[in-house]
Amino acid sequence: MTIFAILIKKIKKIWIEGKTVMENIKSDKIERILGIYTKLIHGHVVNKVEEAQNYHVNERSIQRDIDDIRRYF
């Protein structure tokens, strides 16, 4: 196998893994937004610190999710 073929193979692997990581990030964000939205429509108070701990993200991510929900409506 030539060095070029080896490099192409590694690039493809990185691209596929990167795509998978991005898909997971998107699905994690969707899961958070739906979870937060569900709590809100059921009348619960959403605490950024608690949600950040529940979803293993920082508070700023939760704030962005809340902002996205507000912008939608």
Protein backbone atom coordinates (compact mmCIF):
# COMPACT_ATOMS: atom_id res chain seq x y z
CA MET A 1 0.00 0.00 0.00
CA THR A 2 1.39 3.39 -0.92
CA ILE A 3 1.77 6.26 1.52
CA PHE A 4 -0.94 8.10 -0.40
CA ALA A 5 -3.40 5.23 0.05
CA ILE A 6 -2.60 5.05 3.76
CA LEU A 7 -3.20 8.78 4.15
CA ILE A 8 -6.52 8.59 2.28
CA LYS A 9 -7.62 5.72 4.51
CA LYS A 10 -6.74 7.68 7.67
CA ILE A 11 -8.51 10.80 6.41
CA LYS A 12 -11.67 8.79 5.67
CA LYS A 13 -11.56 7.26 9.15
CA ILE A 14 -11.16 10.68 10.79
CA TRP A 15 -13.98 12.11 8.68
CA ILE A 16 -16.35 9.26 9.57
CA GLU A 17 -15.48 9.51 13.29
CA GLY A 18 -15.87 13.29 13.17
CA LYS A 19 -19.26 12.95 11.52
CA THR A 20 -20.34 10.51 14.23
CA VAL A 21 -19.17 12.91 16.95
CA MET A 22 -21.11 15.79 15.38
CA GLU A 23 -24.24 13.64 15.08
CA ASN A 24 -23.96 12.74 18.78
CA ILE A 25 -23.52 16.39 19.74
CA LYS A 26 -26.63 17.34 17.76
CA SER A 27 -28.69 14.53 19.26
CA ASP A 28 -27.50 15.44 22.78
CA LYS A 29 -28.61 19.06 22.24
CA ILE A 30 -31.99 17.93 20.91
CA GLU A 31 -32.41 15.63 23.91
CA ARG A 32 -31.61 18.51 26.31
CA ILE A 33 -33.97 20.94 24.59
CA LEU A 34 -36.83 18.46 24.56
CA GLY A 35 -36.21 17.56 28.20
CA ILE A 36 -36.18 21.21 29.27
CA TYR A 37 -39.22 22.01 27.13
CA THR A 38 -41.13 19.06 28.62
CA LYS A 39 -40.42 20.30 32.13
CA LEU A 40 -41.56 23.79 31.23
CA ILE A 41 -44.86 22.72 29.64
CA HIS A 42 -45.61 20.65 32.73
CA GLY A 43 -45.16 23.72 34.93
CA HIS A 44 -41.80 22.81 36.46
CA VAL A 45 -39.14 25.37 37.22
CA VAL A 46 -35.92 24.78 35.28
CA ASN A 47 -32.76 25.34 37.30
CA LYS A 48 -29.68 25.86 35.10
CA VAL A 49 -27.27 24.41 37.66
CA GLU A 50 -29.33 21.24 38.13
CA GLU A 51 -29.91 20.77 34.41
CA ALA A 52 -26.22 21.29 33.68
CA GLN A 53 -25.38 18.56 36.19
CA ASN A 54 -28.08 16.24 34.83
CA TYR A 55 -26.89 16.57 31.24
CA HIS A 56 -23.17 16.84 32.05
CA VAL A 57 -22.74 20.20 30.34
CA ASN A 58 -21.98 23.68 31.59
CA GLU A 59 -24.63 26.21 32.58
CA ARG A 60 -23.98 28.27 29.46
CA SER A 61 -25.09 25.33 27.29
CA ILE A 62 -28.34 25.13 29.23
CA GLN A 63 -28.83 28.89 28.84
CA ARG A 64 -28.33 28.54 25.07
CA ASP A 65 -30.91 25.74 25.02
CA ILE A 66 -33.40 27.93 26.91
CA ASP A 67 -32.68 30.79 24.50
CA ASP A 68 -33.35 28.44 21.57
CA ILE A 69 -36.70 27.46 23.10
CA ARG A 70 -37.61 31.14 23.58
CA ARG A 71 -36.67 32.01 20.01
CA TYR A 72 -38.81 29.17 18.70
CA PHE A 73 -41.86 30.68 20.33
